[in-house]
Amino acid sequence: MAEITITVNLADRNYRLTIDAAEEEVIRRAAHSLEEQLKAYAGNFGYKDKQDLLAMIALHFAISSQKNENELQDRDSLLTEKLQEIDRVLSDHQPI
């Protein structure tokens, strides 16, 4: 993959990143999402310190990530059970 250098602005600071070109859109969307969350938290909670806002946003994203991970594990378990059930049914009905 080709690497490119981009600059993203987070909490009024510019960060230069060297990334795979294929990841640029995802990274820019993530940075935009973080900036939107920053504005929302600043408006809702009245924090002025960007460090406090970033900590709250990091917690929010960590919680979301954990919830998504738990949901994926639950789906994987359910899928495994269903596939095992299908395998048993197919094994029981195979001609000898």
N, C-alpha and C. Protein backbone atom coordinates (compact mmCIF):
# COMPACT_ATOMS: atom_id res chain seq x y z
N MET A 1 0.83 -1.19 0.00
CA MET A 1 0.00 0.00 0.00
C MET A 1 0.87 1.25 0.00
N ALA A 2 0.35 2.28 -0.61
CA ALA A 2 1.06 3.56 -0.66
C ALA A 2 0.79 4.34 0.62
N GLU A 3 1.83 4.87 1.20
CA GLU A 3 1.67 5.69 2.39
C GLU A 3 1.58 7.14 1.99
N ILE A 4 0.73 7.86 2.71
CA ILE A 4 0.60 9.29 2.51
C ILE A 4 0.67 9.98 3.87
N THR A 5 0.93 11.27 3.85
CA THR A 5 0.94 12.06 5.08
C THR A 5 -0.25 13.01 5.02
N ILE A 6 -1.06 12.97 6.08
CA ILE A 6 -2.19 13.87 6.18
C ILE A 6 -2.10 14.63 7.50
N THR A 7 -2.85 15.70 7.58
CA THR A 7 -2.94 16.47 8.82
C THR A 7 -4.39 16.48 9.26
N VAL A 8 -4.63 16.10 10.51
CA VAL A 8 -5.97 16.18 11.07
C VAL A 8 -5.94 17.14 12.24
N ASN A 9 -7.05 17.83 12.42
CA ASN A 9 -7.16 18.78 13.52
C ASN A 9 -8.05 18.18 14.58
N LEU A 10 -7.48 18.05 15.78
CA LEU A 10 -8.21 17.52 16.92
C LEU A 10 -8.05 18.48 18.08
N ALA A 11 -9.15 18.95 18.60
CA ALA A 11 -9.14 19.86 19.75
C ALA A 11 -8.21 21.06 19.52
N ASP A 12 -8.35 21.64 18.34
CA ASP A 12 -7.58 22.83 17.96
C ASP A 12 -6.08 22.60 17.85
N ARG A 13 -5.70 21.36 17.63
CA ARG A 13 -4.28 21.05 17.39
C ARG A 13 -4.19 20.23 16.12
N ASN A 14 -3.16 20.52 15.34
CA ASN A 14 -2.93 19.76 14.11
C ASN A 14 -2.00 18.60 14.39
N TYR A 15 -2.36 17.46 13.83
CA TYR A 15 -1.54 16.25 13.96
C TYR A 15 -1.25 15.71 12.58
N ARG A 16 0.03 15.54 12.30
CA ARG A 16 0.45 14.95 11.02
C ARG A 16 0.54 13.44 11.21
N LEU A 17 -0.08 12.72 10.31
CA LEU A 17 -0.09 11.27 10.38
C LEU A 17 0.40 10.70 9.06
N THR A 18 1.20 9.66 9.14
CA THR A 18 1.58 8.90 7.95
C THR A 18 0.77 7.62 7.98
N ILE A 19 -0.05 7.45 6.95
CA ILE A 19 -1.02 6.34 6.94
C ILE A 19 -1.03 5.67 5.57
N ASP A 20 -1.66 4.50 5.51
CA ASP A 20 -1.93 3.89 4.21
C ASP A 20 -2.99 4.72 3.52
N ALA A 21 -2.83 4.96 2.24
CA ALA A 21 -3.76 5.79 1.49
C ALA A 21 -5.19 5.26 1.60
N ALA A 22 -5.34 3.95 1.68
CA ALA A 22 -6.66 3.33 1.76
C ALA A 22 -7.39 3.67 3.06
N GLU A 23 -6.65 4.09 4.08
CA GLU A 23 -7.25 4.40 5.38
C GLU A 23 -7.64 5.87 5.53
N GLU A 24 -7.31 6.69 4.55
CA GLU A 24 -7.51 8.13 4.71
C GLU A 24 -8.96 8.50 5.03
N GLU A 25 -9.89 7.97 4.29
CA GLU A 25 -11.29 8.33 4.50
C GLU A 25 -11.77 7.95 5.89
N VAL A 26 -11.40 6.76 6.34
CA VAL A 26 -11.80 6.30 7.67
C VAL A 26 -11.21 7.21 8.75
N ILE A 27 -9.96 7.58 8.61
CA ILE A 27 -9.30 8.43 9.60
C ILE A 27 -9.90 9.83 9.61
N ARG A 28 -10.18 10.36 8.44
CA ARG A 28 -10.79 11.70 8.39
C ARG A 28 -12.20 11.69 8.99
N ARG A 29 -12.97 10.63 8.72
CA ARG A 29 -14.31 10.52 9.31
C ARG A 29 -14.21 10.39 10.83
N ALA A 30 -13.25 9.62 11.30
CA ALA A 30 -13.06 9.46 12.75
C ALA A 30 -12.69 10.79 13.40
N ALA A 31 -11.81 11.53 12.76
CA ALA A 31 -11.41 12.84 13.30
C ALA A 31 -12.61 13.79 13.30
N HIS A 32 -13.40 13.76 12.24
CA HIS A 32 -14.60 14.60 12.19
C HIS A 32 -15.58 14.21 13.28
N SER A 33 -15.77 12.92 13.48
CA SER A 33 -16.66 12.44 14.53
C SER A 33 -16.18 12.91 15.90
N LEU A 34 -14.89 12.83 16.13
CA LEU A 34 -14.34 13.28 17.40
C LEU A 34 -14.56 14.78 17.59
N GLU A 35 -14.38 15.55 16.56
CA GLU A 35 -14.62 17.00 16.65
C GLU A 35 -16.09 17.29 16.93
N GLU A 36 -16.98 16.55 16.32
CA GLU A 36 -18.42 16.74 16.57
C GLU A 36 -18.75 16.39 18.02
N GLN A 37 -18.18 15.31 18.52
CA GLN A 37 -18.39 14.93 19.92
C GLN A 37 -17.84 16.00 20.85
N LEU A 38 -16.69 16.54 20.49
CA LEU A 38 -16.07 17.60 21.30
C LEU A 38 -17.01 18.80 21.42
N LYS A 39 -17.60 19.20 20.30
CA LYS A 39 -18.55 20.32 20.32
C LYS A 39 -19.78 19.98 21.15
N ALA A 40 -20.29 18.77 20.99
CA ALA A 40 -21.49 18.37 21.73
C ALA A 40 -21.23 18.32 23.23
N TYR A 41 -20.11 17.73 23.62
CA TYR A 41 -19.79 17.65 25.05
C TYR A 41 -19.54 19.04 25.62
N ALA A 42 -18.90 19.92 24.88
CA ALA A 42 -18.64 21.28 25.35
C ALA A 42 -19.96 22.00 25.57
N GLY A 43 -20.90 21.81 24.66
CA GLY A 43 -22.20 22.46 24.79
C GLY A 43 -23.05 21.87 25.89
N ASN A 44 -23.03 20.55 26.03
CA ASN A 44 -23.90 19.89 27.00
C ASN A 44 -23.38 19.98 28.44
N PHE A 45 -22.09 19.93 28.60
CA PHE A 45 -21.54 19.86 29.95
C PHE A 45 -20.84 21.14 30.40
N GLY A 46 -20.67 22.08 29.50
CA GLY A 46 -20.08 23.35 29.87
C GLY A 46 -18.59 23.30 30.19
N TYR A 47 -17.92 22.21 29.83
CA TYR A 47 -16.47 22.15 30.05
C TYR A 47 -15.78 23.10 29.09
N LYS A 48 -14.76 23.72 29.57
CA LYS A 48 -13.94 24.57 28.70
C LYS A 48 -12.57 23.95 28.47
N ASP A 49 -12.15 23.10 29.39
CA ASP A 49 -10.84 22.45 29.28
C ASP A 49 -10.94 21.31 28.28
N LYS A 50 -10.19 21.41 27.21
CA LYS A 50 -10.24 20.40 26.15
C LYS A 50 -9.78 19.03 26.66
N GLN A 51 -8.88 19.02 27.62
CA GLN A 51 -8.41 17.75 28.19
C GLN A 51 -9.55 16.99 28.84
N ASP A 52 -10.40 17.70 29.60
CA ASP A 52 -11.55 17.07 30.23
C ASP A 52 -12.51 16.54 29.17
N LEU A 53 -12.74 17.34 28.14
CA LEU A 53 -13.64 16.92 27.06
C LEU A 53 -13.11 15.69 26.35
N LEU A 54 -11.82 15.70 26.05
CA LEU A 54 -11.22 14.55 25.37
C LEU A 54 -11.28 13.29 26.22
N ALA A 55 -11.10 13.44 27.53
CA ALA A 55 -11.20 12.29 28.43
C ALA A 55 -12.61 11.72 28.42
N MET A 56 -13.62 12.57 28.44
CA MET A 56 -15.00 12.11 28.41
C MET A 56 -15.34 11.44 27.08
N ILE A 57 -14.83 12.00 26.00
CA ILE A 57 -15.07 11.42 24.68
C ILE A 57 -14.36 10.08 24.56
N ALA A 58 -13.14 10.00 25.08
CA ALA A 58 -12.41 8.73 25.05
C ALA A 58 -13.18 7.66 25.82
N LEU A 59 -13.74 8.03 26.95
CA LEU A 59 -14.56 7.09 27.72
C LEU A 59 -15.79 6.68 26.93
N HIS A 60 -16.44 7.63 26.30
CA HIS A 60 -17.63 7.34 25.48
C HIS A 60 -17.30 6.34 24.38
N PHE A 61 -16.20 6.58 23.65
CA PHE A 61 -15.82 5.68 22.57
C PHE A 61 -15.38 4.32 23.10
N ALA A 62 -14.72 4.29 24.24
CA ALA A 62 -14.30 3.01 24.84
C ALA A 62 -15.52 2.19 25.24
N ILE A 63 -16.53 2.85 25.80
CA ILE A 63 -17.76 2.15 26.18
C ILE A 63 -18.46 1.61 24.94
N SER A 64 -18.55 2.43 23.90
CA SER A 64 -19.17 1.98 22.65
C SER A 64 -18.42 0.80 22.05
N SER A 65 -17.11 0.88 22.09
CA SER A 65 -16.29 -0.22 21.56
C SER A 65 -16.51 -1.50 22.34
N GLN A 66 -16.57 -1.39 23.66
CA GLN A 66 -16.80 -2.57 24.51
C GLN A 66 -18.17 -3.18 24.24
N LYS A 67 -19.18 -2.32 24.11
CA LYS A 67 -20.53 -2.82 23.80
C LYS A 67 -20.55 -3.54 22.46
N ASN A 68 -19.90 -2.96 21.45
CA ASN A 68 -19.84 -3.60 20.14
C ASN A 68 -19.11 -4.94 20.20
N GLU A 69 -18.03 -4.98 20.95
CA GLU A 69 -17.28 -6.23 21.10
C GLU A 69 -18.13 -7.30 21.77
N ASN A 70 -18.87 -6.92 22.81
CA ASN A 70 -19.76 -7.87 23.48
C ASN A 70 -20.85 -8.37 22.55
N GLU A 71 -21.42 -7.48 21.74
CA GLU A 71 -22.45 -7.88 20.79
C GLU A 71 -21.88 -8.84 19.75
N LEU A 72 -20.68 -8.58 19.27
CA LEU A 72 -20.05 -9.47 18.30
C LEU A 72 -19.79 -10.85 18.90
N GLN A 73 -19.34 -10.88 20.15
CA GLN A 73 -19.10 -12.17 20.80
C GLN A 73 -20.41 -12.94 20.96
N ASP A 74 -21.49 -12.24 21.32
CA ASP A 74 -22.79 -12.88 21.44
C ASP A 74 -23.25 -13.43 20.10
N ARG A 75 -23.09 -12.65 19.03
CA ARG A 75 -23.47 -13.10 17.69
C ARG A 75 -22.63 -14.29 17.25
N ASP A 76 -21.33 -14.23 17.54
CA ASP A 76 -20.45 -15.35 17.18
C ASP A 76 -20.88 -16.62 17.90
N SER A 77 -21.21 -16.50 19.18
CA SER A 77 -21.65 -17.68 19.94
C SER A 77 -22.94 -18.24 19.37
N LEU A 78 -23.88 -17.36 19.06
CA LEU A 78 -25.15 -17.79 18.49
C LEU A 78 -24.95 -18.43 17.13
N LEU A 79 -24.11 -17.82 16.32
CA LEU A 79 -23.82 -18.38 14.99
C LEU A 79 -23.15 -19.75 15.11
N THR A 80 -22.22 -19.89 16.02
CA THR A 80 -21.56 -21.19 16.23
C THR A 80 -22.57 -22.24 16.65
N GLU A 81 -23.46 -21.88 17.55
CA GLU A 81 -24.49 -22.83 17.99
C GLU A 81 -25.38 -23.25 16.82
N LYS A 82 -25.80 -22.29 16.02
CA LYS A 82 -26.67 -22.59 14.87
C LYS A 82 -25.94 -23.47 13.85
N LEU A 83 -24.67 -23.17 13.59
CA LEU A 83 -23.91 -23.98 12.64
C LEU A 83 -23.71 -25.41 13.16
N GLN A 84 -23.50 -25.55 14.46
CA GLN A 84 -23.37 -26.89 15.04
C GLN A 84 -24.69 -27.65 14.93
N GLU A 85 -25.78 -26.95 15.14
CA GLU A 85 -27.09 -27.56 15.01
C GLU A 85 -27.34 -28.01 13.57
N ILE A 86 -27.00 -27.17 12.61
CA ILE A 86 -27.16 -27.52 11.20
C ILE A 86 -26.27 -28.71 10.86
N ASP A 87 -25.05 -28.73 11.38
CA ASP A 87 -24.13 -29.84 11.13
C ASP A 87 -24.70 -31.14 11.69
N ARG A 88 -25.29 -31.09 12.89
CA ARG A 88 -25.89 -32.29 13.49
C ARG A 88 -27.06 -32.79 12.64
N VAL A 89 -27.89 -31.87 12.19
CA VAL A 89 -29.04 -32.28 11.38
C VAL A 89 -28.57 -32.90 10.08
N LEU A 90 -27.60 -32.30 9.44
CA LEU A 90 -27.09 -32.84 8.18
C LEU A 90 -26.40 -34.19 8.40
N SER A 91 -25.65 -34.31 9.48
CA SER A 91 -24.97 -35.57 9.79
C SER A 91 -25.97 -36.68 10.08
N ASP A 92 -27.06 -36.37 10.75
CA ASP A 92 -28.08 -37.37 11.08
C ASP A 92 -28.85 -37.83 9.85
N HIS A 93 -28.88 -37.05 8.81
CA HIS A 93 -29.68 -37.38 7.62
C HIS A 93 -28.87 -37.78 6.41
N GLN A 94 -27.60 -38.06 6.60
CA GLN A 94 -26.78 -38.49 5.46
C GLN A 94 -27.01 -39.98 5.24
N PRO A 95 -27.16 -40.37 3.97
CA PRO A 95 -27.31 -41.79 3.68
C PRO A 95 -26.01 -42.54 3.98
N ILE A 96 -26.17 -43.75 4.39
CA ILE A 96 -25.00 -44.56 4.75
C ILE A 96 -24.39 -45.22 3.55
